[in-house]
């Protein structure tokens, strides 16, 4: 199993996000999640991103090269990013 260090964009609660936090992974188009707190939105996004990557694998499609370039060794941590197993 690989670990991916994916950049995340966070959005503060607003009318556009139905007063919830929103986060997305720009390297995985359409990979977005919402939550009532920062912790919840990041937890949700980690699950969604993992499902995206799993879907690529199940379909036999290669991940975008930008995603593959984010693979890291277990234990590496970078603030502002989410580690996703896929």
PDB file of N, CA and C in Angstrom:
ATOM      1  N   UNK A   1       0.855  -1.172   0.000  1.00  0.00           N
ATOM      2  CA  UNK A   1       0.000   0.000   0.000  1.00  0.00           C
ATOM      3  C   UNK A   1       0.902   1.236   0.000  1.00  0.00           C
ATOM      4  N   UNK A   2       0.551   2.198  -0.822  1.00  0.00           N
ATOM      5  CA  UNK A   2       1.299   3.449  -0.905  1.00  0.00           C
ATOM      6  C   UNK A   2       0.614   4.522  -0.064  1.00  0.00           C
ATOM      7  N   UNK A   3       1.409   5.481   0.390  1.00  0.00           N
ATOM      8  CA  UNK A   3       0.860   6.665   1.045  1.00  0.00           C
ATOM      9  C   UNK A   3       1.093   7.851   0.126  1.00  0.00           C
ATOM     10  N   UNK A   4       0.051   8.648  -0.052  1.00  0.00           N
ATOM     11  CA  UNK A   4       0.115   9.825  -0.906  1.00  0.00           C
ATOM     12  C   UNK A   4       0.009  11.071  -0.048  1.00  0.00           C
ATOM     13  N   UNK A   5       0.890  12.017  -0.240  1.00  0.00           N
ATOM     14  CA  UNK A   5       0.888  13.296   0.478  1.00  0.00           C
ATOM     15  C   UNK A   5       0.232  14.312  -0.454  1.00  0.00           C
ATOM     16  N   UNK A   6      -1.071  14.453  -0.335  1.00  0.00           N
ATOM     17  CA  UNK A   6      -1.846  15.258  -1.276  1.00  0.00           C
ATOM     18  C   UNK A   6      -2.107  16.665  -0.752  1.00  0.00           C
ATOM     19  N   UNK A   7      -1.866  17.678  -1.572  1.00  0.00           N
ATOM     20  CA  UNK A   7      -2.196  19.042  -1.151  1.00  0.00           C
ATOM     21  C   UNK A   7      -3.714  19.205  -1.035  1.00  0.00           C
ATOM     22  N   UNK A   8      -4.101  20.006  -0.071  1.00  0.00           N
ATOM     23  CA  UNK A   8      -5.519  20.228   0.216  1.00  0.00           C
ATOM     24  C   UNK A   8      -5.808  21.726   0.202  1.00  0.00           C
ATOM     25  N   UNK A   9      -6.957  22.084  -0.335  1.00  0.00           N
ATOM     26  CA  UNK A   9      -7.437  23.462  -0.269  1.00  0.00           C
ATOM     27  C   UNK A   9      -8.637  23.465   0.671  1.00  0.00           C
ATOM     28  N   UNK A  10      -8.575  24.320   1.694  1.00  0.00           N
ATOM     29  CA  UNK A  10      -9.663  24.435   2.673  1.00  0.00           C
ATOM     30  C   UNK A  10     -10.445  25.720   2.445  1.00  0.00           C
ATOM     31  N   UNK A  11     -11.753  25.622   2.602  1.00  0.00           N
ATOM     32  CA  UNK A  11     -12.636  26.784   2.472  1.00  0.00           C
ATOM     33  C   UNK A  11     -13.393  26.981   3.781  1.00  0.00           C
ATOM     34  N   UNK A  12     -13.409  28.201   4.255  1.00  0.00           N
ATOM     35  CA  UNK A  12     -14.159  28.537   5.470  1.00  0.00           C
ATOM     36  C   UNK A  12     -15.660  28.397   5.201  1.00  0.00           C
ATOM     37  N   UNK A  13     -16.439  28.180   6.267  1.00  0.00           N
ATOM     38  CA  UNK A  13     -17.890  28.110   6.085  1.00  0.00           C
ATOM     39  C   UNK A  13     -18.422  29.397   5.446  1.00  0.00           C
ATOM     40  N   UNK A  14     -19.318  29.227   4.503  1.00  0.00           N
ATOM     41  CA  UNK A  14     -19.938  30.370   3.832  1.00  0.00           C
ATOM     42  C   UNK A  14     -21.281  29.927   3.268  1.00  0.00           C
ATOM     43  N   UNK A  15     -21.997  30.871   2.706  1.00  0.00           N
ATOM     44  CA  UNK A  15     -23.271  30.549   2.085  1.00  0.00           C
ATOM     45  C   UNK A  15     -23.068  29.565   0.925  1.00  0.00           C
ATOM     46  N   UNK A  16     -21.953  29.732   0.202  1.00  0.00           N
ATOM     47  CA  UNK A  16     -21.655  28.850  -0.935  1.00  0.00           C
ATOM     48  C   UNK A  16     -21.420  27.401  -0.507  1.00  0.00           C
ATOM     49  N   UNK A  17     -20.951  27.205   0.712  1.00  0.00           N
ATOM     50  CA  UNK A  17     -20.678  25.848   1.202  1.00  0.00           C
ATOM     51  C   UNK A  17     -21.727  25.413   2.228  1.00  0.00           C
ATOM     52  N   UNK A  18     -22.883  26.040   2.174  1.00  0.00           N
ATOM     53  CA  UNK A  18     -23.989  25.724   3.091  1.00  0.00           C
ATOM     54  C   UNK A  18     -23.554  25.824   4.548  1.00  0.00           C
ATOM     55  N   UNK A  19     -22.725  26.848   4.833  1.00  0.00           N
ATOM     56  CA  UNK A  19     -22.222  27.133   6.177  1.00  0.00           C
ATOM     57  C   UNK A  19     -21.424  25.977   6.781  1.00  0.00           C
ATOM     58  N   UNK A  20     -20.786  25.190   5.918  1.00  0.00           N
ATOM     59  CA  UNK A  20     -19.905  24.112   6.357  1.00  0.00           C
ATOM     60  C   UNK A  20     -18.511  24.374   5.817  1.00  0.00           C
ATOM     61  N   UNK A  21     -17.515  23.766   6.453  1.00  0.00           N
ATOM     62  CA  UNK A  21     -16.167  23.790   5.894  1.00  0.00           C
ATOM     63  C   UNK A  21     -16.172  22.901   4.651  1.00  0.00           C
ATOM     64  N   UNK A  22     -15.402  23.291   3.667  1.00  0.00           N
ATOM     65  CA  UNK A  22     -15.231  22.449   2.499  1.00  0.00           C
ATOM     66  C   UNK A  22     -13.738  22.310   2.241  1.00  0.00           C
ATOM     67  N   UNK A  23     -13.340  21.147   1.771  1.00  0.00           N
ATOM     68  CA  UNK A  23     -11.938  20.909   1.413  1.00  0.00           C
ATOM     69  C   UNK A  23     -11.922  20.103   0.128  1.00  0.00           C
ATOM     70  N   UNK A  24     -10.867  20.309  -0.661  1.00  0.00           N
ATOM     71  CA  UNK A  24     -10.741  19.550  -1.890  1.00  0.00           C
ATOM     72  C   UNK A  24      -9.276  19.213  -2.149  1.00  0.00           C
ATOM     73  N   UNK A  25      -9.083  18.183  -2.960  1.00  0.00           N
ATOM     74  CA  UNK A  25      -7.758  17.778  -3.412  1.00  0.00           C
ATOM     75  C   UNK A  25      -7.673  18.155  -4.890  1.00  0.00           C
ATOM     76  N   UNK A  26      -6.993  19.251  -5.216  1.00  0.00           N
ATOM     77  CA  UNK A  26      -6.942  19.704  -6.609  1.00  0.00           C
ATOM     78  C   UNK A  26      -6.355  18.683  -7.582  1.00  0.00           C
ATOM     79  N   UNK A  27      -5.483  17.799  -7.111  1.00  0.00           N
ATOM     80  CA  UNK A  27      -4.878  16.797  -7.995  1.00  0.00           C
ATOM     81  C   UNK A  27      -5.845  15.688  -8.384  1.00  0.00           C
ATOM     82  N   UNK A  28      -6.975  15.597  -7.671  1.00  0.00           N
ATOM     83  CA  UNK A  28      -8.019  14.619  -7.974  1.00  0.00           C
ATOM     84  C   UNK A  28      -9.306  15.390  -8.281  1.00  0.00           C
ATOM     85  N   UNK A  29      -9.490  15.804  -9.528  1.00  0.00           N
ATOM     86  CA  UNK A  29     -10.660  16.629  -9.871  1.00  0.00           C
ATOM     87  C   UNK A  29     -11.977  16.027  -9.369  1.00  0.00           C
ATOM     88  N   UNK A  30     -12.740  16.863  -8.679  1.00  0.00           N
ATOM     89  CA  UNK A  30     -14.026  16.443  -8.128  1.00  0.00           C
ATOM     90  C   UNK A  30     -13.930  15.847  -6.735  1.00  0.00           C
ATOM     91  N   UNK A  31     -12.725  15.719  -6.203  1.00  0.00           N
ATOM     92  CA  UNK A  31     -12.538  15.138  -4.875  1.00  0.00           C
ATOM     93  C   UNK A  31     -12.732  16.234  -3.831  1.00  0.00           C
ATOM     94  N   UNK A  32     -13.942  16.269  -3.258  1.00  0.00           N
ATOM     95  CA  UNK A  32     -14.311  17.296  -2.282  1.00  0.00           C
ATOM     96  C   UNK A  32     -15.057  16.659  -1.120  1.00  0.00           C
ATOM     97  N   UNK A  33     -15.016  17.341   0.013  1.00  0.00           N
ATOM     98  CA  UNK A  33     -15.762  16.888   1.182  1.00  0.00           C
ATOM     99  C   UNK A  33     -16.188  18.103   1.996  1.00  0.00           C
ATOM    100  N   UNK A  34     -17.199  17.903   2.821  1.00  0.00           N
ATOM    101  CA  UNK A  34     -17.725  18.957   3.682  1.00  0.00           C
ATOM    102  C   UNK A  34     -17.748  18.451   5.112  1.00  0.00           C
ATOM    103  N   UNK A  35     -17.761  19.374   6.062  1.00  0.00           N
ATOM    104  CA  UNK A  35     -17.852  19.007   7.469  1.00  0.00           C
ATOM    105  C   UNK A  35     -18.183  20.213   8.322  1.00  0.00           C
ATOM    106  N   UNK A  36     -18.668  19.951   9.510  1.00  0.00           N
ATOM    107  CA  UNK A  36     -19.028  21.028  10.438  1.00  0.00           C
ATOM    108  C   UNK A  36     -17.803  21.623  11.124  1.00  0.00           C
ATOM    109  N   UNK A  37     -16.698  20.862  11.196  1.00  0.00           N
ATOM    110  CA  UNK A  37     -15.463  21.339  11.816  1.00  0.00           C
ATOM    111  C   UNK A  37     -14.298  21.045  10.866  1.00  0.00           C
ATOM    112  N   UNK A  38     -13.151  21.680  11.139  1.00  0.00           N
ATOM    113  CA  UNK A  38     -11.965  21.393  10.327  1.00  0.00           C
ATOM    114  C   UNK A  38     -11.571  19.918  10.432  1.00  0.00           C
ATOM    115  N   UNK A  39     -11.620  19.385  11.631  1.00  0.00           N
ATOM    116  CA  UNK A  39     -11.268  17.976  11.814  1.00  0.00           C
ATOM    117  C   UNK A  39     -12.196  17.068  11.023  1.00  0.00           C
ATOM    118  N   UNK A  40     -13.476  17.368  11.060  1.00  0.00           N
ATOM    119  CA  UNK A  40     -14.449  16.539  10.354  1.00  0.00           C
ATOM    120  C   UNK A  40     -14.251  16.622   8.843  1.00  0.00           C
ATOM    121  N   UNK A  41     -14.032  17.821   8.314  1.00  0.00           N
ATOM    122  CA  UNK A  41     -13.880  17.946   6.864  1.00  0.00           C
ATOM    123  C   UNK A  41     -12.615  17.229   6.401  1.00  0.00           C
ATOM    124  N   UNK A  42     -11.535  17.298   7.173  1.00  0.00           N
ATOM    125  CA  UNK A  42     -10.309  16.603   6.781  1.00  0.00           C
ATOM    126  C   UNK A  42     -10.464  15.090   6.873  1.00  0.00           C
ATOM    127  N   UNK A  43     -11.159  14.623   7.891  1.00  0.00           N
ATOM    128  CA  UNK A  43     -11.437  13.190   8.012  1.00  0.00           C
ATOM    129  C   UNK A  43     -12.282  12.715   6.830  1.00  0.00           C
ATOM    130  N   UNK A  44     -13.309  13.488   6.508  1.00  0.00           N
ATOM    131  CA  UNK A  44     -14.173  13.136   5.374  1.00  0.00           C
ATOM    132  C   UNK A  44     -13.394  13.154   4.067  1.00  0.00           C
ATOM    133  N   UNK A  45     -12.548  14.165   3.891  1.00  0.00           N
ATOM    134  CA  UNK A  45     -11.774  14.280   2.658  1.00  0.00           C
ATOM    135  C   UNK A  45     -10.799  13.114   2.521  1.00  0.00           C
ATOM    136  N   UNK A  46     -10.210  12.703   3.619  1.00  0.00           N
ATOM    137  CA  UNK A  46      -9.288  11.573   3.568  1.00  0.00           C
ATOM    138  C   UNK A  46     -10.026  10.318   3.074  1.00  0.00           C
ATOM    139  N   UNK A  47     -11.231  10.100   3.547  1.00  0.00           N
ATOM    140  CA  UNK A  47     -12.024   8.952   3.100  1.00  0.00           C
ATOM    141  C   UNK A  47     -12.388   9.060   1.630  1.00  0.00           C
ATOM    142  N   UNK A  48     -12.797  10.250   1.205  1.00  0.00           N
ATOM    143  CA  UNK A  48     -13.190  10.458  -0.191  1.00  0.00           C
ATOM    144  C   UNK A  48     -11.979  10.278  -1.112  1.00  0.00           C
ATOM    145  N   UNK A  49     -10.836  10.852  -0.744  1.00  0.00           N
ATOM    146  CA  UNK A  49      -9.635  10.736  -1.571  1.00  0.00           C
ATOM    147  C   UNK A  49      -9.195   9.274  -1.664  1.00  0.00           C
ATOM    148  N   UNK A  50      -9.281   8.555  -0.572  1.00  0.00           N
ATOM    149  CA  UNK A  50      -8.938   7.142  -0.586  1.00  0.00           C
ATOM    150  C   UNK A  50      -9.858   6.369  -1.535  1.00  0.00           C
ATOM    151  N   UNK A  51     -11.155   6.698  -1.518  1.00  0.00           N
ATOM    152  CA  UNK A  51     -12.111   6.054  -2.421  1.00  0.00           C
ATOM    153  C   UNK A  51     -11.806   6.405  -3.884  1.00  0.00           C
ATOM    154  N   UNK A  52     -11.412   7.645  -4.140  1.00  0.00           N
ATOM    155  CA  UNK A  52     -11.022   8.048  -5.498  1.00  0.00           C
ATOM    156  C   UNK A  52      -9.866   7.182  -5.987  1.00  0.00           C
ATOM    157  N   UNK A  53      -8.829   7.063  -5.162  1.00  0.00           N
ATOM    158  CA  UNK A  53      -7.644   6.303  -5.545  1.00  0.00           C
ATOM    159  C   UNK A  53      -7.992   4.828  -5.729  1.00  0.00           C
ATOM    160  N   UNK A  54      -8.787   4.293  -4.829  1.00  0.00           N
ATOM    161  CA  UNK A  54      -9.225   2.901  -4.944  1.00  0.00           C
ATOM    162  C   UNK A  54      -9.990   2.685  -6.243  1.00  0.00           C
ATOM    163  N   UNK A  55     -10.812   3.640  -6.631  1.00  0.00           N
ATOM    164  CA  UNK A  55     -11.577   3.547  -7.878  1.00  0.00           C
ATOM    165  C   UNK A  55     -10.650   3.495  -9.092  1.00  0.00           C
ATOM    166  N   UNK A  56      -9.612   4.333  -9.084  1.00  0.00           N
ATOM    167  CA  UNK A  56      -8.625   4.288 -10.175  1.00  0.00           C
ATOM    168  C   UNK A  56      -8.034   2.882 -10.270  1.00  0.00           C
ATOM    169  N   UNK A  57      -7.634   2.328  -9.126  1.00  0.00           N
ATOM    170  CA  UNK A  57      -7.013   1.004  -9.109  1.00  0.00           C
ATOM    171  C   UNK A  57      -7.990  -0.072  -9.598  1.00  0.00           C
ATOM    172  N   UNK A  58      -9.222  -0.041  -9.116  1.00  0.00           N
ATOM    173  CA  UNK A  58     -10.212  -1.045  -9.514  1.00  0.00           C
ATOM    174  C   UNK A  58     -10.505  -1.004 -11.010  1.00  0.00           C
ATOM    175  N   UNK A  59     -10.516   0.199 -11.570  1.00  0.00           N
ATOM    176  CA  UNK A  59     -10.809   0.361 -12.996  1.00  0.00           C
ATOM    177  C   UNK A  59      -9.579   0.086 -13.865  1.00  0.00           C
ATOM    178  N   UNK A  60      -8.424  -0.093 -13.220  1.00  0.00           N
ATOM    179  CA  UNK A  60      -7.199  -0.338 -13.956  1.00  0.00           C
ATOM    180  C   UNK A  60      -6.625   0.905 -14.599  1.00  0.00           C
ATOM    181  N   UNK A  61      -7.086   2.067 -14.149  1.00  0.00           N
ATOM    182  CA  UNK A  61      -6.604   3.337 -14.690  1.00  0.00           C
ATOM    183  C   UNK A  61      -5.396   3.814 -13.894  1.00  0.00           C
ATOM    184  N   UNK A  62      -4.405   4.383 -14.581  1.00  0.00           N
ATOM    185  CA  UNK A  62      -3.275   4.943 -13.837  1.00  0.00           C
ATOM    186  C   UNK A  62      -3.684   6.232 -13.143  1.00  0.00           C
ATOM    187  N   UNK A  63      -3.119   6.463 -11.990  1.00  0.00           N
ATOM    188  CA  UNK A  63      -3.341   7.734 -11.297  1.00  0.00           C
ATOM    189  C   UNK A  63      -2.636   8.838 -12.078  1.00  0.00           C
ATOM    190  N   UNK A  64      -3.138  10.063 -11.980  1.00  0.00           N
ATOM    191  CA  UNK A  64      -2.420  11.170 -12.619  1.00  0.00           C
ATOM    192  C   UNK A  64      -0.971  11.207 -12.113  1.00  0.00           C
ATOM    193  N   UNK A  65      -0.013  11.525 -13.000  1.00  0.00           N
ATOM    194  CA  UNK A  65       1.400  11.561 -12.580  1.00  0.00           C
ATOM    195  C   UNK A  65       1.645  12.486 -11.392  1.00  0.00           C
ATOM    196  N   UNK A  66       0.863  13.568 -11.300  1.00  0.00           N
ATOM    197  CA  UNK A  66       1.019  14.507 -10.183  1.00  0.00           C
ATOM    198  C   UNK A  66       0.685  13.838  -8.854  1.00  0.00           C
ATOM    199  N   UNK A  67      -0.252  12.886  -8.881  1.00  0.00           N
ATOM    200  CA  UNK A  67      -0.617  12.159  -7.668  1.00  0.00           C
ATOM    201  C   UNK A  67       0.483  11.150  -7.334  1.00  0.00           C
ATOM    202  N   UNK A  68       0.934  10.402  -8.339  1.00  0.00           N
ATOM    203  CA  UNK A  68       2.001   9.419  -8.113  1.00  0.00           C
ATOM    204  C   UNK A  68       3.262  10.070  -7.557  1.00  0.00           C
ATOM    205  N   UNK A  69       3.511  11.316  -7.943  1.00  0.00           N
ATOM    206  CA  UNK A  69       4.722  11.994  -7.471  1.00  0.00           C
ATOM    207  C   UNK A  69       4.640  12.386  -5.998  1.00  0.00           C
ATOM    208  N   UNK A  70       3.477  12.202  -5.370  1.00  0.00           N
ATOM    209  CA  UNK A  70       3.312  12.574  -3.965  1.00  0.00           C
ATOM    210  C   UNK A  70       3.544  11.413  -3.007  1.00  0.00           C
ATOM    211  N   UNK A  71       3.889  10.230  -3.518  1.00  0.00           N
ATOM    212  CA  UNK A  71       4.103   9.065  -2.659  1.00  0.00           C
ATOM    213  C   UNK A  71       5.227   9.360  -1.670  1.00  0.00           C
ATOM    214  N   UNK A  72       4.985   9.009  -0.407  1.00  0.00           N
ATOM    215  CA  UNK A  72       5.963   9.242   0.661  1.00  0.00           C
ATOM    216  C   UNK A  72       6.131   7.985   1.499  1.00  0.00           C
ATOM    217  N   UNK A  73       7.182   7.974   2.277  1.00  0.00           N
ATOM    218  CA  UNK A  73       7.410   6.884   3.219  1.00  0.00           C
ATOM    219  C   UNK A  73       6.501   7.078   4.426  1.00  0.00           C
ATOM    220  N   UNK A  74       6.051   5.991   5.004  1.00  0.00           N
ATOM    221  CA  UNK A  74       5.230   6.077   6.215  1.00  0.00           C
ATOM    222  C   UNK A  74       5.998   6.856   7.272  1.00  0.00           C
ATOM    223  N   UNK A  75       5.313   7.735   7.949  1.00  0.00           N
ATOM    224  CA  UNK A  75       5.930   8.536   8.998  1.00  0.00           C
ATOM    225  C   UNK A  75       6.246   9.952   8.572  1.00  0.00           C
ATOM    226  N   UNK A  76       6.382  10.201   7.262  1.00  0.00           N
ATOM    227  CA  UNK A  76       6.582  11.557   6.788  1.00  0.00           C
ATOM    228  C   UNK A  76       5.282  12.331   6.953  1.00  0.00           C
ATOM    229  N   UNK A  77       5.366  13.546   7.482  1.00  0.00           N
ATOM    230  CA  UNK A  77       4.162  14.371   7.663  1.00  0.00           C
ATOM    231  C   UNK A  77       4.476  15.785   7.234  1.00  0.00           C
ATOM    232  N   UNK A  78       3.512  16.384   6.546  1.00  0.00           N
ATOM    233  CA  UNK A  78       3.669  17.761   6.097  1.00  0.00           C
ATOM    234  C   UNK A  78       2.385  18.503   6.442  1.00  0.00           C
ATOM    235  N   UNK A  79       2.456  19.605   7.196  1.00  0.00           N
ATOM    236  CA  UNK A  79       1.251  20.364   7.530  1.00  0.00           C
ATOM    237  C   UNK A  79       0.532  20.850   6.274  1.00  0.00           C
ATOM    238  N   UNK A  80      -0.789  20.862   6.317  1.00  0.00           N
ATOM    239  CA  UNK A  80      -1.576  21.362   5.193  1.00  0.00           C
ATOM    240  C   UNK A  80      -1.815  20.324   4.121  1.00  0.00           C
ATOM    241  N   UNK A  81      -1.446  19.084   4.412  1.00  0.00           N
ATOM    242  CA  UNK A  81      -1.670  18.026   3.456  1.00  0.00           C
ATOM    243  C   UNK A  81      -2.275  16.839   4.181  1.00  0.00           C
ATOM    244  N   UNK A  82      -2.883  15.950   3.418  1.00  0.00           N
ATOM    245  CA  UNK A  82      -3.510  14.788   4.006  1.00  0.00           C
ATOM    246  C   UNK A  82      -2.839  13.554   3.425  1.00  0.00           C
ATOM    247  N   UNK A  83      -2.525  12.584   4.284  1.00  0.00           N
ATOM    248  CA  UNK A  83      -1.968  11.311   3.829  1.00  0.00           C
ATOM    249  C   UNK A  83      -3.113  10.371   3.519  1.00  0.00           C
ATOM    250  N   UNK A  84      -3.083   9.787   2.311  1.00  0.00           N
ATOM    251  CA  UNK A  84      -4.159   8.917   1.864  1.00  0.00           C
ATOM    252  C   UNK A  84      -3.565   7.591   1.419  1.00  0.00           C
ATOM    253  N   UNK A  85      -4.096   6.495   1.938  1.00  0.00           N
ATOM    254  CA  UNK A  85      -3.662   5.165   1.513  1.00  0.00           C
ATOM    255  C   UNK A  85      -4.480   4.750   0.300  1.00  0.00           C
ATOM    256  N   UNK A  86      -3.852   4.140  -0.652  1.00  0.00           N
ATOM    257  CA  UNK A  86      -4.581   3.706  -1.842  1.00  0.00           C
ATOM    258  C   UNK A  86      -3.958   2.516  -2.481  1.00  0.00           C
TER     259      UNK A  86
END
